[in-house]
N, C-alpha and C. Protein backbone atom coordinates (compact mmCIF):
# COMPACT_ATOMS: atom_id res chain seq x y z
N MET A 1 95.93 188.56 -45.27
CA MET A 1 97.15 187.77 -45.32
C MET A 1 98.37 188.68 -45.46
N SER A 2 98.23 189.81 -46.15
CA SER A 2 99.38 190.68 -46.33
C SER A 2 99.80 191.33 -45.00
N ALA A 3 98.84 191.60 -44.11
CA ALA A 3 99.17 192.17 -42.81
C ALA A 3 100.01 191.19 -41.99
N LEU A 4 99.71 189.93 -42.10
CA LEU A 4 100.47 188.91 -41.39
C LEU A 4 101.90 188.83 -41.93
N LEU A 5 102.06 188.93 -43.24
CA LEU A 5 103.40 188.90 -43.83
C LEU A 5 104.21 190.13 -43.44
N GLU A 6 103.58 191.30 -43.41
CA GLU A 6 104.27 192.53 -43.01
C GLU A 6 104.70 192.47 -41.55
N ALA A 7 103.85 191.96 -40.70
CA ALA A 7 104.20 191.84 -39.29
C ALA A 7 105.36 190.87 -39.11
N THR A 8 105.37 189.83 -39.88
CA THR A 8 106.44 188.85 -39.79
C THR A 8 107.76 189.47 -40.24
N ASP A 9 107.75 190.26 -41.33
CA ASP A 9 108.97 190.92 -41.79
C ASP A 9 109.48 191.91 -40.75
N LYS A 10 108.54 192.64 -40.14
CA LYS A 10 108.95 193.62 -39.13
C LYS A 10 109.54 192.93 -37.92
N SER A 11 108.95 191.84 -37.49
CA SER A 11 109.47 191.13 -36.32
C SER A 11 110.83 190.49 -36.64
N HIS A 12 111.00 190.07 -37.89
CA HIS A 12 112.30 189.51 -38.28
C HIS A 12 113.37 190.59 -38.25
N ARG A 13 113.02 191.80 -38.71
CA ARG A 13 113.98 192.91 -38.67
C ARG A 13 114.34 193.26 -37.23
N THR A 14 113.34 193.28 -36.36
CA THR A 14 113.58 193.59 -34.95
C THR A 14 114.46 192.53 -34.31
N LEU A 15 114.17 191.28 -34.59
CA LEU A 15 114.97 190.19 -34.05
C LEU A 15 116.40 190.25 -34.58
N ARG A 16 116.55 190.53 -35.86
CA ARG A 16 117.89 190.62 -36.45
C ARG A 16 118.68 191.75 -35.79
N LEU A 17 118.03 192.89 -35.57
CA LEU A 17 118.68 194.02 -34.92
C LEU A 17 119.10 193.67 -33.49
N ALA A 18 118.23 192.97 -32.77
CA ALA A 18 118.55 192.58 -31.40
C ALA A 18 119.72 191.61 -31.35
N VAL A 19 119.76 190.67 -32.29
CA VAL A 19 120.86 189.69 -32.32
C VAL A 19 122.17 190.38 -32.67
N ILE A 20 122.14 191.31 -33.63
CA ILE A 20 123.36 192.03 -34.00
C ILE A 20 123.85 192.87 -32.83
N ALA A 21 122.93 193.54 -32.14
CA ALA A 21 123.32 194.36 -30.98
C ALA A 21 123.94 193.49 -29.89
N ALA A 22 123.36 192.34 -29.64
CA ALA A 22 123.91 191.44 -28.62
C ALA A 22 125.29 190.92 -29.03
N ALA A 23 125.46 190.58 -30.30
CA ALA A 23 126.76 190.10 -30.77
C ALA A 23 127.82 191.19 -30.66
N LEU A 24 127.47 192.42 -31.01
CA LEU A 24 128.42 193.52 -30.88
C LEU A 24 128.76 193.78 -29.41
N GLY A 25 127.79 193.64 -28.53
CA GLY A 25 128.05 193.81 -27.10
C GLY A 25 129.01 192.76 -26.58
N VAL A 26 128.82 191.52 -26.98
CA VAL A 26 129.71 190.45 -26.55
C VAL A 26 131.11 190.65 -27.12
N ALA A 27 131.19 191.05 -28.39
CA ALA A 27 132.49 191.31 -29.00
C ALA A 27 133.19 192.47 -28.29
N GLY A 28 132.44 193.48 -27.92
CA GLY A 28 133.02 194.61 -27.18
C GLY A 28 133.52 194.19 -25.81
N MET A 29 132.80 193.32 -25.15
CA MET A 29 133.23 192.82 -23.85
C MET A 29 134.55 192.07 -23.96
N PHE A 30 134.66 191.19 -24.95
CA PHE A 30 135.90 190.44 -25.13
C PHE A 30 137.05 191.36 -25.53
N THR A 31 136.76 192.37 -26.34
CA THR A 31 137.79 193.32 -26.73
C THR A 31 138.30 194.09 -25.51
N ALA A 32 137.38 194.54 -24.66
CA ALA A 32 137.78 195.25 -23.45
C ALA A 32 138.57 194.34 -22.51
N ALA A 33 138.15 193.11 -22.39
CA ALA A 33 138.85 192.17 -21.52
C ALA A 33 140.26 191.91 -22.03
N ALA A 34 140.40 191.76 -23.33
CA ALA A 34 141.72 191.52 -23.91
C ALA A 34 142.60 192.76 -23.80
N THR A 35 142.00 193.93 -23.90
CA THR A 35 142.77 195.17 -23.83
C THR A 35 143.33 195.38 -22.43
N PHE A 36 142.52 195.15 -21.41
CA PHE A 36 142.95 195.43 -20.05
C PHE A 36 143.63 194.25 -19.38
N ALA A 37 143.62 193.08 -19.98
CA ALA A 37 144.23 191.91 -19.36
C ALA A 37 145.75 192.02 -19.34
N GLY A 38 146.34 192.66 -20.33
CA GLY A 38 147.79 192.74 -20.41
C GLY A 38 148.38 193.91 -19.67
N SER A 39 147.55 194.79 -19.13
CA SER A 39 148.08 195.98 -18.46
C SER A 39 147.92 195.87 -16.95
N GLU A 40 148.60 196.74 -16.25
CA GLU A 40 148.50 196.79 -14.79
C GLU A 40 147.23 197.55 -14.41
N ALA A 41 146.13 196.87 -14.40
CA ALA A 41 144.86 197.53 -14.13
C ALA A 41 144.60 197.63 -12.63
N GLN A 42 145.23 196.78 -11.83
CA GLN A 42 144.99 196.79 -10.40
C GLN A 42 146.15 197.48 -9.68
N ALA A 43 145.82 198.18 -8.63
CA ALA A 43 146.85 198.87 -7.85
C ALA A 43 147.47 197.88 -6.88
N ASN A 44 148.78 197.72 -6.95
CA ASN A 44 149.48 196.82 -6.04
C ASN A 44 149.89 197.53 -4.76
N GLU A 45 150.06 198.85 -4.82
CA GLU A 45 150.46 199.63 -3.66
C GLU A 45 149.38 200.66 -3.35
N ALA A 46 149.37 201.11 -2.12
CA ALA A 46 148.43 202.15 -1.75
C ALA A 46 148.83 203.45 -2.42
N ALA A 47 147.86 204.22 -2.80
CA ALA A 47 148.15 205.50 -3.44
C ALA A 47 148.77 206.45 -2.41
N PRO A 48 149.76 207.23 -2.82
CA PRO A 48 150.37 208.17 -1.87
C PRO A 48 149.37 209.24 -1.42
N THR A 49 149.42 209.58 -0.16
CA THR A 49 148.50 210.58 0.36
C THR A 49 149.19 211.94 0.36
N VAL A 50 148.42 212.95 0.18
CA VAL A 50 148.96 214.31 0.16
C VAL A 50 148.89 214.87 1.57
N ALA A 51 150.03 215.35 2.07
CA ALA A 51 150.06 215.93 3.43
C ALA A 51 149.47 217.32 3.38
N THR A 52 148.61 217.60 4.32
CA THR A 52 148.01 218.94 4.39
C THR A 52 148.67 219.70 5.51
N ALA A 53 148.75 221.00 5.34
CA ALA A 53 149.34 221.87 6.39
C ALA A 53 148.34 222.03 7.52
N GLU A 54 148.83 221.88 8.72
CA GLU A 54 147.94 222.04 9.89
C GLU A 54 148.26 223.30 10.65
């Protein structure tokens, strides 16, 4: 019976770690989206080309 309880505790720790990692990932995604939403992240004009000597 003790082996069953230990396995259950270990699986609970693994599940808790997975849920925390997923929550941090989602929070990071929203943070990145909020950070880049207010800035000019997209290029509106073509980048200038450098003329090479021929």
